[in-house]
Amino acid sequence: MTEENKDLELGDIITLDDENGEPLGDFEVLAMFDLNGKEYIALAEAVEDEESEEDEEDEEVDIFVFQVDGGEMVPLEEDEESTVYAKLNEVLEGIELIKEDK
């Protein structure tokens, strides 16, 4: 990952701002991965407590993927979305397997 994002780890909570600098909310880092020489980060809206987390296991969670470019998170290009989301599914399956083994 880039210098700025080297300290990020799975499960970290970060706050995203919109283009006007207004906070959008807190998001949890679900995955970080490289694909075709580019770095990506996958985020989901942060869960406030463990009870909410259990409730959300049954609900679908929106996942947002950004390309990390020079320390900035930028939206995906439309033509790369399917490839990036396919890779994300592989990464998330690997993370789930690791969790199950613990």
C-alpha atoms as a PDB file:
ATOM      1  CA  MET A   1       0.000   0.000   0.000  1.00  0.00           C
ATOM      2  CA  THR A   2       1.060   3.592  -0.330  1.00  0.00           C
ATOM      3  CA  GLU A   3       3.064   5.265   2.394  1.00  0.00           C
ATOM      4  CA  GLU A   4      -0.022   6.966   3.842  1.00  0.00           C
ATOM      5  CA  ASN A   5      -2.047   3.725   3.903  1.00  0.00           C
ATOM      6  CA  LYS A   6       0.667   1.397   5.216  1.00  0.00           C
ATOM      7  CA  ASP A   7      -0.671   1.855   8.742  1.00  0.00           C
ATOM      8  CA  LEU A   8      -4.191   0.780   7.786  1.00  0.00           C
ATOM      9  CA  GLU A   9      -5.174  -2.738   8.763  1.00  0.00           C
ATOM     10  CA  LEU A  10      -8.264  -4.869   8.307  1.00  0.00           C
ATOM     11  CA  GLY A  11     -10.967  -3.772  10.720  1.00  0.00           C
ATOM     12  CA  ASP A  12      -9.666  -0.201  11.082  1.00  0.00           C
ATOM     13  CA  ILE A  13     -12.296   2.527  11.084  1.00  0.00           C
ATOM     14  CA  ILE A  14     -11.740   5.587   8.911  1.00  0.00           C
ATOM     15  CA  THR A  15     -13.896   8.661   8.303  1.00  0.00           C
ATOM     16  CA  LEU A  16     -14.595   9.624   4.710  1.00  0.00           C
ATOM     17  CA  ASP A  17     -15.367  13.162   3.593  1.00  0.00           C
ATOM     18  CA  ASP A  18     -17.212  14.233   0.457  1.00  0.00           C
ATOM     19  CA  GLU A  19     -15.724  16.555  -2.154  1.00  0.00           C
ATOM     20  CA  ASN A  20     -16.762  19.565  -0.002  1.00  0.00           C
ATOM     21  CA  GLY A  21     -14.960  18.224   3.067  1.00  0.00           C
ATOM     22  CA  GLU A  22     -18.189  17.265   4.822  1.00  0.00           C
ATOM     23  CA  PRO A  23     -18.023  13.945   6.734  1.00  0.00           C
ATOM     24  CA  LEU A  24     -19.835  11.060   5.034  1.00  0.00           C
ATOM     25  CA  GLY A  25     -19.459   8.743   8.012  1.00  0.00           C
ATOM     26  CA  ASP A  26     -17.226   6.072   9.463  1.00  0.00           C
ATOM     27  CA  PHE A  27     -16.214   3.088   7.364  1.00  0.00           C
ATOM     28  CA  GLU A  28     -14.495  -0.179   8.243  1.00  0.00           C
ATOM     29  CA  VAL A  29     -11.579  -1.474   6.188  1.00  0.00           C
ATOM     30  CA  LEU A  30     -12.710  -4.870   4.848  1.00  0.00           C
ATOM     31  CA  ALA A  31      -9.851  -5.616   2.472  1.00  0.00           C
ATOM     32  CA  MET A  32      -6.764  -4.136   0.856  1.00  0.00           C
ATOM     33  CA  PHE A  33      -5.290  -5.692  -2.257  1.00  0.00           C
ATOM     34  CA  ASP A  34      -3.190  -5.118  -5.374  1.00  0.00           C
ATOM     35  CA  LEU A  35      -4.417  -5.871  -8.877  1.00  0.00           C
ATOM     36  CA  ASN A  36      -2.605  -5.196 -12.134  1.00  0.00           C
ATOM     37  CA  GLY A  37      -0.097  -2.912 -10.416  1.00  0.00           C
ATOM     38  CA  LYS A  38      -2.770  -0.786  -8.718  1.00  0.00           C
ATOM     39  CA  GLU A  39      -3.752  -0.695  -5.053  1.00  0.00           C
ATOM     40  CA  TYR A  40      -7.355  -0.989  -3.868  1.00  0.00           C
ATOM     41  CA  ILE A  41      -9.189  -0.670  -0.564  1.00  0.00           C
ATOM     42  CA  ALA A  42     -12.672  -2.026   0.221  1.00  0.00           C
ATOM     43  CA  LEU A  43     -14.801  -0.313   2.850  1.00  0.00           C
ATOM     44  CA  ALA A  44     -18.208  -0.880   4.438  1.00  0.00           C
ATOM     45  CA  GLU A  45     -20.181   1.372   6.719  1.00  0.00           C
ATOM     46  CA  ALA A  46     -18.893   0.888  10.257  1.00  0.00           C
ATOM     47  CA  VAL A  47     -21.053  -1.038  12.729  1.00  0.00           C
ATOM     48  CA  GLU A  48     -21.599   0.782  16.023  1.00  0.00           C
ATOM     49  CA  ASP A  49     -21.567  -2.203  18.380  1.00  0.00           C
ATOM     50  CA  GLU A  50     -21.528  -5.994  18.465  1.00  0.00           C
ATOM     51  CA  GLU A  51     -25.336  -6.288  18.611  1.00  0.00           C
ATOM     52  CA  SER A  52     -25.672  -4.287  15.407  1.00  0.00           C
ATOM     53  CA  GLU A  53     -22.973  -6.432  13.832  1.00  0.00           C
ATOM     54  CA  GLU A  54     -24.974  -9.583  14.575  1.00  0.00           C
ATOM     55  CA  ASP A  55     -28.123  -8.005  13.117  1.00  0.00           C
ATOM     56  CA  GLU A  56     -26.258  -6.990   9.958  1.00  0.00           C
ATOM     57  CA  GLU A  57     -24.972 -10.511   9.309  1.00  0.00           C
ATOM     58  CA  ASP A  58     -28.404 -11.300   7.872  1.00  0.00           C
ATOM     59  CA  GLU A  59     -28.592  -8.029   5.923  1.00  0.00           C
ATOM     60  CA  GLU A  60     -26.728  -7.189   2.745  1.00  0.00           C
ATOM     61  CA  VAL A  61     -23.815  -4.815   3.349  1.00  0.00           C
ATOM     62  CA  ASP A  62     -22.824  -2.181   0.796  1.00  0.00           C
ATOM     63  CA  ILE A  63     -19.131  -2.440  -0.036  1.00  0.00           C
ATOM     64  CA  PHE A  64     -17.300   0.491  -1.563  1.00  0.00           C
ATOM     65  CA  VAL A  65     -14.020  -0.089  -3.400  1.00  0.00           C
ATOM     66  CA  PHE A  66     -11.567   2.687  -4.172  1.00  0.00           C
ATOM     67  CA  GLN A  67      -8.303   2.755  -6.046  1.00  0.00           C
ATOM     68  CA  VAL A  68      -5.498   4.165  -3.930  1.00  0.00           C
ATOM     69  CA  ASP A  69      -3.604   6.636  -6.101  1.00  0.00           C
ATOM     70  CA  GLY A  70      -0.829   8.713  -4.571  1.00  0.00           C
ATOM     71  CA  GLY A  71      -2.330   8.403  -1.090  1.00  0.00           C
ATOM     72  CA  GLU A  72      -5.770   9.484  -2.320  1.00  0.00           C
ATOM     73  CA  MET A  73      -8.769   7.181  -2.630  1.00  0.00           C
ATOM     74  CA  VAL A  74     -10.397   7.616  -6.029  1.00  0.00           C
ATOM     75  CA  PRO A  75     -13.549   5.947  -7.408  1.00  0.00           C
ATOM     76  CA  LEU A  76     -13.146   3.001  -9.746  1.00  0.00           C
ATOM     77  CA  GLU A  77     -13.271   3.521 -13.478  1.00  0.00           C
ATOM     78  CA  GLU A  78     -16.402   1.922 -14.932  1.00  0.00           C
ATOM     79  CA  ASP A  79     -14.385  -0.410 -17.163  1.00  0.00           C
ATOM     80  CA  GLU A  80     -12.437  -1.880 -14.234  1.00  0.00           C
ATOM     81  CA  GLU A  81     -15.332  -2.500 -11.827  1.00  0.00           C
ATOM     82  CA  SER A  82     -16.074  -6.116 -12.777  1.00  0.00           C
ATOM     83  CA  THR A  83     -12.407  -7.168 -12.583  1.00  0.00           C
ATOM     84  CA  VAL A  84     -11.845  -5.398  -9.269  1.00  0.00           C
ATOM     85  CA  TYR A  85     -15.011  -6.801  -7.669  1.00  0.00           C
ATOM     86  CA  ALA A  86     -14.106 -10.320  -8.841  1.00  0.00           C
ATOM     87  CA  LYS A  87     -10.708  -9.952  -7.144  1.00  0.00           C
ATOM     88  CA  LEU A  88     -12.392  -8.519  -4.033  1.00  0.00           C
ATOM     89  CA  ASN A  89     -14.638 -11.604  -3.807  1.00  0.00           C
ATOM     90  CA  GLU A  90     -11.526 -13.831  -3.883  1.00  0.00           C
ATOM     91  CA  VAL A  91      -9.865 -11.732  -1.180  1.00  0.00           C
ATOM     92  CA  LEU A  92     -12.960 -11.737   1.052  1.00  0.00           C
ATOM     93  CA  GLU A  93     -13.355 -15.514   0.670  1.00  0.00           C
ATOM     94  CA  GLY A  94      -9.738 -15.911   1.788  1.00  0.00           C
ATOM     95  CA  ILE A  95     -10.354 -13.685   4.809  1.00  0.00           C
ATOM     96  CA  GLU A  96     -13.447 -15.729   5.753  1.00  0.00           C
ATOM     97  CA  LEU A  97     -11.459 -18.967   5.532  1.00  0.00           C
ATOM     98  CA  ILE A  98      -8.819 -17.539   7.848  1.00  0.00           C
ATOM     99  CA  LYS A  99     -11.515 -16.439  10.351  1.00  0.00           C
ATOM    100  CA  GLU A 100     -13.113 -19.902  10.279  1.00  0.00           C
ATOM    101  CA  ASP A 101      -9.757 -21.550  11.055  1.00  0.00           C
ATOM    102  CA  LYS A 102      -9.320 -19.486  14.250  1.00  0.00           C
END
